[in-house]
């Protein structure tokens, strides 16, 4: 199991991120921290394999924590999970050895892709031995999570993006019929892509019961953390 420390100043967000981590096979949350000092203490105590590091903390920054982790020579990997969008912050995260950088808000599917890429990297490196150039390319390629879930055969990226943008721009949840009207695709096509987005964590399904007692399936863009 890959042990993970989740660091976020917002207790609720830390709880949500920890729950997301627990949903990914092979990962386990070792603990949570809500400040720079607590993050350092828990890193020292728990020695996690991976830290999901927020940048904006009440008593410092995530990058300051990462620098101290490196100074203490802890063999802990870091993925930045933060709302910080400044290129200078991203650049410094790279210089401090952060393996990934995930910008808030995000859906579970995006975090899962980052974690799965990290797990692939660990499996690749655990093989040990000497590395040829092709091996090195594979190591670095393992860090590159796809920008979105791979589509099943028979699904169009353009149509998936059309339905995705429809949900994101809606004020509330939509039915397949409403999505079909807004996008111009058939109701059956809308239903198929909505189910795909729900399975991949990008959409949330709710049921609305009418007078006839039959539930209407409604889809909304997944809650962001």
Protein backbone atom coordinates (compact mmCIF):
# COMPACT_ATOMS: atom_id res chain seq x y z
CA UNK A 1 0.00 0.00 0.00
CA UNK A 2 1.15 3.53 -0.77
CA UNK A 3 0.83 5.62 2.41
CA UNK A 4 -0.41 9.18 1.81
CA UNK A 5 -0.41 12.29 3.99
CA UNK A 6 -3.10 14.79 2.96
CA UNK A 7 -2.26 18.43 3.73
CA UNK A 8 -4.88 21.17 3.36
CA UNK A 9 -5.74 24.16 5.54
CA UNK A 10 -9.47 23.53 5.00
CA UNK A 11 -10.56 20.60 7.20
CA UNK A 12 -13.51 19.75 4.96
CA UNK A 13 -11.39 19.74 1.80
CA UNK A 14 -8.80 17.55 3.52
CA UNK A 15 -11.54 15.10 4.44
CA UNK A 16 -12.85 15.01 0.88
CA UNK A 17 -9.37 14.56 -0.60
CA UNK A 18 -8.62 11.80 1.90
CA UNK A 19 -11.85 10.03 0.93
CA UNK A 20 -10.84 10.32 -2.74
CA UNK A 21 -7.43 8.79 -2.01
CA UNK A 22 -9.03 5.85 -0.21
CA UNK A 23 -11.12 5.15 -3.32
CA UNK A 24 -8.02 4.47 -5.43
CA UNK A 25 -6.78 0.87 -5.14
CA UNK A 26 -3.31 0.57 -3.64
CA UNK A 27 -3.47 3.84 -1.68
CA UNK A 28 -4.15 4.44 2.00
CA UNK A 29 -4.36 7.68 3.97
CA UNK A 30 -1.79 7.69 6.76
CA UNK A 31 -2.95 11.00 8.16
CA UNK A 32 -4.12 14.57 7.56
CA UNK A 33 -2.56 17.93 8.42
CA UNK A 34 -3.91 21.48 8.25
CA UNK A 35 -0.83 23.65 8.77
CA UNK A 36 2.81 23.78 7.75
CA UNK A 37 4.02 22.85 11.22
CA UNK A 38 1.61 19.95 11.49
CA UNK A 39 2.58 18.75 8.02
CA UNK A 40 6.25 18.63 9.02
CA UNK A 41 5.51 16.86 12.31
CA UNK A 42 3.33 14.26 10.65
CA UNK A 43 5.86 13.72 7.87
CA UNK A 44 8.50 13.14 10.53
CA UNK A 45 6.28 10.77 12.49
CA UNK A 46 4.46 8.86 9.74
CA UNK A 47 7.16 8.84 7.01
CA UNK A 48 4.53 8.68 4.25
CA UNK A 49 5.39 7.58 0.72
CA UNK A 50 3.50 10.52 -0.74
CA UNK A 51 2.26 13.92 0.45
CA UNK A 52 -0.64 15.72 -1.22
CA UNK A 53 0.49 19.26 -0.41
CA UNK A 54 -1.64 22.39 -0.36
CA UNK A 55 0.31 25.61 -0.92
CA UNK A 56 -1.68 28.15 1.10
CA UNK A 57 -1.31 27.20 4.77
CA UNK A 58 -2.00 29.39 7.82
CA UNK A 59 1.58 29.38 9.11
CA UNK A 60 3.57 29.16 5.90
CA UNK A 61 3.40 27.74 2.38
CA UNK A 62 3.41 24.25 1.04
CA UNK A 63 6.64 24.95 -0.84
CA UNK A 64 8.34 25.95 2.40
CA UNK A 65 7.26 22.60 3.83
CA UNK A 66 8.60 20.79 0.76
CA UNK A 67 11.95 22.59 1.05
CA UNK A 68 12.22 21.53 4.70
CA UNK A 69 11.27 17.95 3.84
CA UNK A 70 14.09 17.94 1.30
CA UNK A 71 16.52 19.51 3.79
CA UNK A 72 15.75 16.75 6.26
CA UNK A 73 16.33 14.21 3.48
CA UNK A 74 13.00 12.44 3.90
CA UNK A 75 12.38 9.99 1.08
CA UNK A 76 8.87 11.32 0.56
CA UNK A 77 7.34 12.20 -2.78
CA UNK A 78 5.11 15.25 -3.21
CA UNK A 79 2.14 16.09 -5.40
CA UNK A 80 1.00 19.70 -5.08
CA UNK A 81 -2.80 20.00 -4.72
CA UNK A 82 -3.56 23.69 -4.57
CA UNK A 83 -5.43 26.69 -5.91
CA UNK A 84 -2.10 28.47 -6.54
CA UNK A 85 -1.95 29.24 -10.26
CA UNK A 86 1.07 31.57 -10.40
CA UNK A 87 3.64 30.26 -12.84
CA UNK A 88 6.36 31.18 -10.35
CA UNK A 89 4.80 28.81 -7.80
CA UNK A 90 4.53 26.04 -10.37
CA UNK A 91 8.16 26.58 -11.39
CA UNK A 92 9.37 26.49 -7.80
CA UNK A 93 7.37 23.32 -7.18
CA UNK A 94 9.19 21.72 -10.09
CA UNK A 95 12.56 22.87 -8.73
CA UNK A 96 11.73 21.38 -5.34
CA UNK A 97 10.95 18.03 -6.94
CA UNK A 98 7.15 17.93 -6.87
CA UNK A 99 6.16 15.07 -9.15
CA UNK A 100 2.73 16.43 -10.09
CA UNK A 101 0.76 19.65 -9.76
CA UNK A 102 -3.04 19.50 -9.48
CA UNK A 103 -4.93 22.80 -9.62
CA UNK A 104 -8.12 23.25 -7.61
CA UNK A 105 -10.98 22.88 -8.27
CA UNK A 106 -10.88 19.38 -9.70
CA UNK A 107 -12.99 16.24 -9.95
CA UNK A 108 -12.12 12.86 -8.47
CA UNK A 109 -11.24 11.49 -11.90
CA UNK A 110 -8.38 13.98 -12.27
CA UNK A 111 -6.89 13.14 -8.86
CA UNK A 112 -7.25 9.45 -9.55
CA UNK A 113 -5.31 9.86 -12.81
CA UNK A 114 -2.48 11.59 -10.95
CA UNK A 115 -2.34 8.88 -8.29
CA UNK A 116 -2.44 6.07 -10.84
CA UNK A 117 0.43 7.70 -12.76
CA UNK A 118 2.40 7.92 -9.53
CA UNK A 119 1.72 4.26 -8.73
CA UNK A 120 2.91 3.31 -12.22
CA UNK A 121 6.12 5.27 -11.68
CA UNK A 122 6.79 3.49 -8.38
CA UNK A 123 6.23 0.07 -9.95
CA UNK A 124 8.56 0.98 -12.80
CA UNK A 125 11.32 2.20 -10.49
CA UNK A 126 10.97 -0.70 -8.06
CA UNK A 127 12.30 -3.00 -10.78
CA UNK A 128 15.75 -1.50 -10.12
CA UNK A 129 18.80 -2.27 -12.28
CA UNK A 130 20.42 0.01 -14.84
CA UNK A 131 18.45 2.29 -17.14
CA UNK A 132 18.90 2.78 -20.86
CA UNK A 133 17.51 5.92 -22.50
CA UNK A 134 14.27 4.13 -23.36
CA UNK A 135 13.87 3.19 -19.70
CA UNK A 136 14.47 6.78 -18.59
CA UNK A 137 11.90 8.00 -21.11
CA UNK A 138 9.44 5.49 -19.66
CA UNK A 139 10.12 6.71 -16.11
CA UNK A 140 9.39 10.30 -17.00
CA UNK A 141 6.45 9.30 -19.18
CA UNK A 142 4.86 7.58 -16.20
CA UNK A 143 4.52 11.01 -14.56
CA UNK A 144 2.34 12.31 -17.36
CA UNK A 145 -1.23 11.58 -16.37
CA UNK A 146 -3.66 11.91 -19.28
CA UNK A 147 -5.65 15.14 -19.27
CA UNK A 148 -8.85 13.15 -18.93
CA UNK A 149 -10.11 9.58 -18.75
CA UNK A 150 -9.65 7.55 -21.93
CA UNK A 151 -12.91 7.16 -23.82
CA UNK A 152 -14.31 3.68 -24.48
CA UNK A 153 -14.43 2.48 -28.05
CA UNK A 154 -17.25 4.09 -30.02
CA UNK A 155 -17.23 7.34 -28.04
CA UNK A 156 -16.27 10.64 -29.65
CA UNK A 157 -14.01 13.07 -27.75
CA UNK A 158 -15.84 15.96 -29.42
CA UNK A 159 -19.25 14.73 -28.26
CA UNK A 160 -17.95 13.99 -24.78
CA UNK A 161 -16.55 17.53 -24.57
CA UNK A 162 -19.85 18.97 -25.84
CA UNK A 163 -21.86 17.18 -23.13
CA UNK A 164 -19.22 18.02 -20.53
CA UNK A 165 -19.38 21.74 -21.35
CA UNK A 166 -23.18 21.61 -21.28
CA UNK A 167 -23.16 20.26 -17.72
CA UNK A 168 -20.48 22.69 -16.56
CA UNK A 169 -22.43 25.71 -17.82
CA UNK A 170 -25.78 24.63 -16.35
CA UNK A 171 -27.14 26.29 -13.21
CA UNK A 172 -28.37 22.96 -11.86
CA UNK A 173 -28.84 19.34 -12.83
CA UNK A 174 -30.09 18.35 -16.28
CA UNK A 175 -31.94 15.36 -17.70
CA UNK A 176 -30.78 13.54 -20.81
CA UNK A 177 -33.64 15.18 -22.71
CA UNK A 178 -32.52 18.65 -21.64
CA UNK A 179 -28.89 17.91 -22.55
CA UNK A 180 -30.03 16.64 -25.95
CA UNK A 181 -31.98 19.86 -26.58
CA UNK A 182 -29.04 22.06 -25.57
CA UNK A 183 -26.38 20.18 -27.53
CA UNK A 184 -28.31 18.99 -30.57
CA UNK A 185 -27.49 15.31 -30.09
CA UNK A 186 -30.13 12.61 -29.74
CA UNK A 187 -31.55 11.77 -26.32
CA UNK A 188 -29.99 8.30 -26.54
CA UNK A 189 -26.58 9.77 -27.30
CA UNK A 190 -26.91 12.27 -24.47
CA UNK A 191 -27.86 9.48 -22.06
CA UNK A 192 -24.89 7.37 -23.13
CA UNK A 193 -22.36 10.17 -22.58
CA UNK A 194 -23.96 11.27 -19.33
CA UNK A 195 -23.60 7.74 -17.99
CA UNK A 196 -19.95 7.78 -19.08
CA UNK A 197 -19.29 11.06 -17.27
CA UNK A 198 -21.01 9.71 -14.17
CA UNK A 199 -18.92 6.53 -14.20
CA UNK A 200 -15.68 8.53 -14.48
CA UNK A 201 -16.59 10.86 -11.62
CA UNK A 202 -17.14 13.96 -13.75
CA UNK A 203 -20.91 14.03 -13.29
CA UNK A 204 -23.17 13.31 -10.33
CA UNK A 205 -26.44 11.43 -10.72
CA UNK A 206 -29.55 12.34 -8.75
CA UNK A 207 -33.10 11.03 -8.94
CA UNK A 208 -36.15 13.26 -9.11
CA UNK A 209 -39.53 11.64 -8.47
CA UNK A 210 -42.58 13.03 -10.26
CA UNK A 211 -46.30 12.52 -9.85
CA UNK A 212 -46.18 9.20 -11.71
CA UNK A 213 -43.71 7.85 -9.15
CA UNK A 214 -41.06 7.03 -11.75
CA UNK A 215 -37.66 8.58 -11.05
CA UNK A 216 -36.10 10.95 -13.55
CA UNK A 217 -32.35 10.64 -13.89
CA UNK A 218 -30.68 14.05 -13.62
CA UNK A 219 -27.00 14.84 -13.99
CA UNK A 220 -24.93 17.69 -12.61
CA UNK A 221 -21.26 18.59 -12.91
CA UNK A 222 -19.38 16.84 -10.13
CA UNK A 223 -18.75 18.74 -6.91
CA UNK A 224 -15.27 20.27 -6.90
CA UNK A 225 -12.89 20.38 -3.98
